[in-house]
Structures are given as structure tokens and as C-alpha cells.
Amino acid sequence: MGGLPPSITARQEIVEFWRLKVEEAHERYETASAQYRRLLEERPKDLVPGPDGKLPQARDAVSETLLEYSRLLRVFTQLTLNGTLPHEHESTGGNGGGDR
């Protein structure tokens, strides 16, 4: 086949795998943020949202997706800069979260 050595090809595949995970997490974060902003703009200005309403749920979704995006970005950065592969608990969220 005459391509790159297997170790380089495997590394490129691993980097691409994690790059895609970062992109997907970023998209989830952007979607959650847009939803939160939309709900915030639609609510009456004098209305204080209750703890169980759509606005607090949307805010929580933004927080969760930002945490996941940040975690994956750290994993990807360590991989690309240091060649460090993520530990098992890092690849699944570390707190039992996994993909949401």
C-alpha cells in the first residue's frame, strides 16, 4: 500500500476520532446556548423563573454541555500536544456521564 507507517496512521485516526468528539460536543453546547438565549429573550422581563421551569433546565443543559466540551477539549489538547491518550474514565466522562 505504500502509505504512512501503521503507527502514524493509527495516531492520525485517534486524533481524528477525538477531534470529531470535540466538534460534536461544541455543537451540543452551541445548540443548548442558543436554546437558553431564546427562552431568556421570550420570557416576560418581570417574571422570575421557578426552579423547575424550562429556563433553569435550559441553563443546566448549557452548563452540562460546556463541562463536556471543556473536558473533551482538554483530552484532545493533551493528545495533540503531548501524545497522551485519555484514561478510560476520561473517555467516558469520568463521572459516569458518558455521552448524553
N, C-alpha and C. Protein backbone atom coordinates (compact mmCIF):
# COMPACT_ATOMS: atom_id res chain seq x y z
N MET A 1 0.81 -1.17 0.00
CA MET A 1 0.00 0.00 0.00
C MET A 1 0.86 1.25 0.00
N GLY A 2 2.04 1.25 0.55
CA GLY A 2 2.99 2.32 0.43
C GLY A 2 2.61 3.60 1.15
N GLY A 3 1.67 3.55 2.07
CA GLY A 3 1.25 4.76 2.78
C GLY A 3 2.14 5.03 3.97
N LEU A 4 1.60 5.69 4.93
CA LEU A 4 2.32 6.01 6.14
C LEU A 4 2.50 4.77 7.00
N PRO A 5 3.54 4.77 7.82
CA PRO A 5 3.71 3.63 8.75
C PRO A 5 2.48 3.46 9.62
N PRO A 6 2.18 2.23 10.02
CA PRO A 6 0.98 1.97 10.82
C PRO A 6 0.86 2.83 12.07
N SER A 7 1.98 3.10 12.75
CA SER A 7 1.90 3.88 13.98
C SER A 7 1.44 5.31 13.71
N ILE A 8 1.88 5.90 12.59
CA ILE A 8 1.47 7.25 12.25
C ILE A 8 0.00 7.25 11.83
N THR A 9 -0.37 6.26 11.04
CA THR A 9 -1.76 6.16 10.59
C THR A 9 -2.69 5.96 11.78
N ALA A 10 -2.33 5.09 12.70
CA ALA A 10 -3.15 4.85 13.89
C ALA A 10 -3.27 6.12 14.72
N ARG A 11 -2.18 6.84 14.87
CA ARG A 11 -2.21 8.10 15.64
C ARG A 11 -3.15 9.10 14.96
N GLN A 12 -3.07 9.20 13.65
CA GLN A 12 -3.94 10.13 12.92
C GLN A 12 -5.41 9.74 13.10
N GLU A 13 -5.69 8.46 13.10
CA GLU A 13 -7.06 8.00 13.30
C GLU A 13 -7.56 8.33 14.71
N ILE A 14 -6.68 8.18 15.69
CA ILE A 14 -7.05 8.50 17.07
C ILE A 14 -7.30 9.99 17.21
N VAL A 15 -6.42 10.80 16.64
CA VAL A 15 -6.59 12.26 16.70
C VAL A 15 -7.89 12.66 16.01
N GLU A 16 -8.17 12.09 14.86
CA GLU A 16 -9.40 12.41 14.14
C GLU A 16 -10.63 12.00 14.95
N PHE A 17 -10.58 10.85 15.58
CA PHE A 17 -11.69 10.39 16.43
C PHE A 17 -12.00 11.43 17.51
N TRP A 18 -10.97 11.88 18.21
CA TRP A 18 -11.17 12.85 19.29
C TRP A 18 -11.52 14.23 18.76
N ARG A 19 -11.00 14.60 17.60
CA ARG A 19 -11.36 15.88 17.00
C ARG A 19 -12.86 15.92 16.71
N LEU A 20 -13.37 14.82 16.18
CA LEU A 20 -14.81 14.74 15.90
C LEU A 20 -15.64 14.81 17.18
N LYS A 21 -15.17 14.16 18.23
CA LYS A 21 -15.88 14.22 19.52
C LYS A 21 -15.92 15.65 20.05
N VAL A 22 -14.81 16.38 19.89
CA VAL A 22 -14.77 17.79 20.31
C VAL A 22 -15.77 18.61 19.49
N GLU A 23 -15.77 18.41 18.19
CA GLU A 23 -16.71 19.14 17.32
C GLU A 23 -18.16 18.86 17.72
N GLU A 24 -18.49 17.60 17.95
CA GLU A 24 -19.85 17.24 18.33
C GLU A 24 -20.24 17.87 19.66
N ALA A 25 -19.31 17.87 20.62
CA ALA A 25 -19.59 18.48 21.92
C ALA A 25 -19.78 19.99 21.77
N HIS A 26 -18.99 20.60 20.92
CA HIS A 26 -19.13 22.04 20.68
C HIS A 26 -20.50 22.35 20.07
N GLU A 27 -20.92 21.53 19.14
CA GLU A 27 -22.24 21.72 18.52
C GLU A 27 -23.36 21.58 19.56
N ARG A 28 -23.23 20.59 20.46
CA ARG A 28 -24.25 20.42 21.51
C ARG A 28 -24.28 21.64 22.43
N TYR A 29 -23.09 22.16 22.75
CA TYR A 29 -23.01 23.36 23.59
C TYR A 29 -23.65 24.56 22.89
N GLU A 30 -23.33 24.76 21.62
CA GLU A 30 -23.90 25.88 20.87
C GLU A 30 -25.42 25.77 20.78
N THR A 31 -25.92 24.57 20.57
CA THR A 31 -27.37 24.35 20.50
C THR A 31 -28.03 24.66 21.83
N ALA A 32 -27.45 24.16 22.91
CA ALA A 32 -28.00 24.42 24.25
C ALA A 32 -27.95 25.91 24.58
N SER A 33 -26.87 26.58 24.21
CA SER A 33 -26.74 28.01 24.46
C SER A 33 -27.79 28.81 23.69
N ALA A 34 -27.99 28.45 22.43
CA ALA A 34 -28.98 29.14 21.61
C ALA A 34 -30.38 28.94 22.19
N GLN A 35 -30.68 27.74 22.64
CA GLN A 35 -31.98 27.45 23.25
C GLN A 35 -32.18 28.28 24.51
N TYR A 36 -31.16 28.36 25.33
CA TYR A 36 -31.24 29.14 26.56
C TYR A 36 -31.46 30.62 26.25
N ARG A 37 -30.69 31.16 25.31
CA ARG A 37 -30.85 32.57 24.93
C ARG A 37 -32.25 32.85 24.39
N ARG A 38 -32.77 31.92 23.59
CA ARG A 38 -34.12 32.09 23.03
C ARG A 38 -35.15 32.14 24.15
N LEU A 39 -35.06 31.20 25.09
CA LEU A 39 -36.00 31.18 26.21
C LEU A 39 -35.86 32.44 27.07
N LEU A 40 -34.65 32.90 27.25
CA LEU A 40 -34.40 34.09 28.05
C LEU A 40 -35.04 35.32 27.39
N GLU A 41 -34.92 35.42 26.09
CA GLU A 41 -35.50 36.55 25.36
C GLU A 41 -37.02 36.49 25.32
N GLU A 42 -37.59 35.29 25.33
CA GLU A 42 -39.04 35.13 25.22
C GLU A 42 -39.78 35.34 26.53
N ARG A 43 -39.11 35.20 27.64
CA ARG A 43 -39.80 35.30 28.92
C ARG A 43 -40.13 36.76 29.23
N PRO A 44 -41.23 36.96 29.92
CA PRO A 44 -41.56 38.33 30.35
C PRO A 44 -40.46 38.85 31.28
N LYS A 45 -40.10 40.10 31.13
CA LYS A 45 -38.98 40.68 31.89
C LYS A 45 -39.21 40.68 33.39
N ASP A 46 -40.44 40.79 33.82
CA ASP A 46 -40.73 40.84 35.26
C ASP A 46 -40.99 39.47 35.87
N LEU A 47 -40.91 38.41 35.07
CA LEU A 47 -41.17 37.06 35.56
C LEU A 47 -39.88 36.45 36.12
N VAL A 48 -39.97 36.00 37.36
CA VAL A 48 -38.83 35.30 37.98
C VAL A 48 -39.05 33.81 37.74
N PRO A 49 -38.12 33.15 37.04
CA PRO A 49 -38.32 31.73 36.74
C PRO A 49 -38.25 30.86 37.99
N GLY A 50 -39.14 29.88 38.04
CA GLY A 50 -39.12 28.91 39.14
C GLY A 50 -38.00 27.91 38.93
N PRO A 51 -37.64 27.15 39.95
CA PRO A 51 -36.53 26.20 39.85
C PRO A 51 -36.82 25.01 38.94
N ASP A 52 -38.09 24.76 38.63
CA ASP A 52 -38.42 23.60 37.81
C ASP A 52 -38.87 23.97 36.40
N GLY A 53 -38.73 25.22 36.02
CA GLY A 53 -39.20 25.67 34.72
C GLY A 53 -38.22 25.35 33.59
N LYS A 54 -38.62 25.76 32.39
CA LYS A 54 -37.81 25.49 31.20
C LYS A 54 -36.50 26.27 31.23
N LEU A 55 -36.52 27.50 31.74
CA LEU A 55 -35.31 28.32 31.76
C LEU A 55 -34.20 27.71 32.63
N PRO A 56 -34.50 27.31 33.86
CA PRO A 56 -33.45 26.66 34.66
C PRO A 56 -32.95 25.34 34.04
N GLN A 57 -33.87 24.60 33.41
CA GLN A 57 -33.45 23.36 32.74
C GLN A 57 -32.53 23.67 31.58
N ALA A 58 -32.85 24.71 30.82
CA ALA A 58 -32.00 25.10 29.69
C ALA A 58 -30.64 25.59 30.19
N ARG A 59 -30.64 26.34 31.30
CA ARG A 59 -29.38 26.81 31.89
C ARG A 59 -28.52 25.62 32.34
N ASP A 60 -29.15 24.64 32.94
CA ASP A 60 -28.43 23.44 33.36
C ASP A 60 -27.85 22.69 32.16
N ALA A 61 -28.62 22.65 31.07
CA ALA A 61 -28.13 22.00 29.85
C ALA A 61 -26.91 22.72 29.30
N VAL A 62 -26.92 24.05 29.36
CA VAL A 62 -25.75 24.81 28.91
C VAL A 62 -24.54 24.46 29.78
N SER A 63 -24.74 24.42 31.08
CA SER A 63 -23.63 24.10 31.99
C SER A 63 -23.07 22.71 31.73
N GLU A 64 -23.96 21.74 31.58
CA GLU A 64 -23.53 20.36 31.34
C GLU A 64 -22.78 20.22 30.02
N THR A 65 -23.32 20.85 28.97
CA THR A 65 -22.67 20.72 27.67
C THR A 65 -21.34 21.47 27.64
N LEU A 66 -21.24 22.58 28.37
CA LEU A 66 -19.97 23.30 28.45
C LEU A 66 -18.92 22.48 29.19
N LEU A 67 -19.32 21.83 30.26
CA LEU A 67 -18.40 20.97 31.00
C LEU A 67 -17.88 19.84 30.12
N GLU A 68 -18.78 19.22 29.37
CA GLU A 68 -18.38 18.12 28.50
C GLU A 68 -17.46 18.62 27.37
N TYR A 69 -17.81 19.74 26.79
CA TYR A 69 -16.97 20.31 25.73
C TYR A 69 -15.57 20.64 26.27
N SER A 70 -15.51 21.24 27.45
CA SER A 70 -14.23 21.58 28.07
C SER A 70 -13.40 20.32 28.35
N ARG A 71 -14.08 19.29 28.86
CA ARG A 71 -13.37 18.04 29.17
C ARG A 71 -12.78 17.43 27.90
N LEU A 72 -13.57 17.37 26.85
CA LEU A 72 -13.09 16.79 25.60
C LEU A 72 -12.00 17.64 24.97
N LEU A 73 -12.09 18.94 25.12
CA LEU A 73 -11.05 19.82 24.60
C LEU A 73 -9.72 19.58 25.34
N ARG A 74 -9.79 19.34 26.65
CA ARG A 74 -8.57 19.02 27.42
C ARG A 74 -7.97 17.70 26.94
N VAL A 75 -8.83 16.70 26.74
CA VAL A 75 -8.35 15.40 26.26
C VAL A 75 -7.67 15.57 24.90
N PHE A 76 -8.33 16.30 24.00
CA PHE A 76 -7.79 16.50 22.66
C PHE A 76 -6.48 17.28 22.71
N THR A 77 -6.42 18.29 23.54
CA THR A 77 -5.19 19.08 23.67
C THR A 77 -4.04 18.22 24.17
N GLN A 78 -4.29 17.42 25.20
CA GLN A 78 -3.25 16.54 25.72
C GLN A 78 -2.80 15.54 24.67
N LEU A 79 -3.73 15.05 23.89
CA LEU A 79 -3.41 14.09 22.84
C LEU A 79 -2.55 14.73 21.76
N THR A 80 -2.95 15.90 21.29
CA THR A 80 -2.23 16.51 20.17
C THR A 80 -0.91 17.15 20.59
N LEU A 81 -0.84 17.73 21.78
CA LEU A 81 0.39 18.37 22.21
C LEU A 81 1.40 17.42 22.83
N ASN A 82 0.90 16.47 23.62
CA ASN A 82 1.79 15.59 24.37
C ASN A 82 1.76 14.14 23.90
N GLY A 83 0.81 13.81 23.05
CA GLY A 83 0.66 12.42 22.62
C GLY A 83 0.06 11.54 23.70
N THR A 84 -0.54 12.15 24.71
CA THR A 84 -1.12 11.42 25.83
C THR A 84 -2.51 10.94 25.48
N LEU A 85 -2.70 9.63 25.53
CA LEU A 85 -4.03 9.06 25.30
C LEU A 85 -4.86 9.21 26.56
N PRO A 86 -6.16 9.42 26.40
CA PRO A 86 -7.01 9.57 27.58
C PRO A 86 -7.13 8.26 28.35
N HIS A 87 -7.28 8.40 29.67
CA HIS A 87 -7.55 7.22 30.50
C HIS A 87 -8.97 6.78 30.26
N GLU A 88 -9.30 5.59 30.65
CA GLU A 88 -10.64 5.04 30.45
C GLU A 88 -11.72 5.95 31.03
N HIS A 89 -11.51 6.45 32.27
CA HIS A 89 -12.54 7.29 32.88
C HIS A 89 -12.68 8.63 32.17
N GLU A 90 -11.63 9.13 31.53
CA GLU A 90 -11.73 10.39 30.80
C GLU A 90 -12.54 10.22 29.53
N SER A 91 -12.42 9.06 28.90
CA SER A 91 -13.12 8.87 27.63
C SER A 91 -14.62 8.67 27.81
N THR A 92 -15.06 8.38 29.03
CA THR A 92 -16.49 8.18 29.28
C THR A 92 -17.08 9.28 30.15
N GLY A 93 -16.32 10.29 30.43
CA GLY A 93 -16.86 11.40 31.22
C GLY A 93 -16.34 11.43 32.64
N GLY A 94 -15.73 10.38 33.11
CA GLY A 94 -15.10 10.36 34.41
C GLY A 94 -16.07 10.32 35.58
N ASN A 95 -17.31 10.71 35.36
CA ASN A 95 -18.28 10.73 36.46
C ASN A 95 -19.48 9.87 36.16
N GLY A 96 -19.30 8.94 35.20
CA GLY A 96 -20.39 8.06 34.84
C GLY A 96 -21.34 8.67 33.86
N GLY A 97 -21.01 9.89 33.36
CA GLY A 97 -21.92 10.60 32.47
C GLY A 97 -21.98 10.01 31.08
N GLY A 98 -20.83 9.77 30.48
CA GLY A 98 -20.80 9.26 29.12
C GLY A 98 -21.45 10.22 28.16
N ASP A 99 -21.82 9.74 27.00
CA ASP A 99 -22.49 10.59 26.02
C ASP A 99 -23.92 10.82 26.44
N ARG A 100 -24.39 12.04 26.22
CA ARG A 100 -25.74 12.40 26.62
C ARG A 100 -26.58 12.63 25.41
